[in-house]
C-alpha cells in the first residue's frame, strides 16, 4: 500500500486482514494437531534484521527448557545468523539471502537440515512469508495468530501478540508450546 496516505492505510488495515483471513481459510489446509512428545528438531525462523534476532534470543532458552534434548537450529539472514553462533541453546544457524522467492526454504534444504519436527515463527506482525515458510519446513508450525497467519500453525496456536516490549511478546510464544 505504498503511496497511500497513512490515515487511509490505518482504516483499510482491518478489512484487508479480515479478507485475507477468509481467503486463506478457504484455500489453506489446517496443520496437524501438535504432538509435543515427538519434537526432537526445532527450527526458529527469523527473517528480519540483527536487532530482532537479539530480541529473540530469550526464546531459544525457553525452547531448550521446554523441549529438553531437542536440537534447535535458527534460520536467518547472514548478519543475524552470525549473531547466534555460540549461543548455548542453538546447535546450528543457517544463513540465507533474503532475495528471491523461497530462498529461506531452499537454504534449509541446501544445508541438509530437513526434516524439522517444529518450526517456530516469532514474527509479531502480519507478514505471511515466515508463517508460510514455517508450514513448509516443519511437521508442526507455531507462531502468532492474526491476519490469517493462524491457518499455517498447528492446533496448539500462539496467541495474538500481547502488549508489552518486543522481547516479552516473543517470549510469550513459548508458553502455548507447553500444551
Foldseek 3Di string as FASTA:
>chain_A
DPPDDPVVCVVCVVVQLVVLQVVCVVPFAAAAADDLVPFAEEEEEDEDDQVVLVLLVVQLVLVCVLRPNHAYEYEYADVNQVVCVPPPSHPYYFHFDPDDPPGSVVSCVVVVPDAGAEYEYLDQDQDQRSLVSRLVRHSAYEYEDTSNSNRSGHPLYQYRQDDDDSSVSSNSRSVSSND
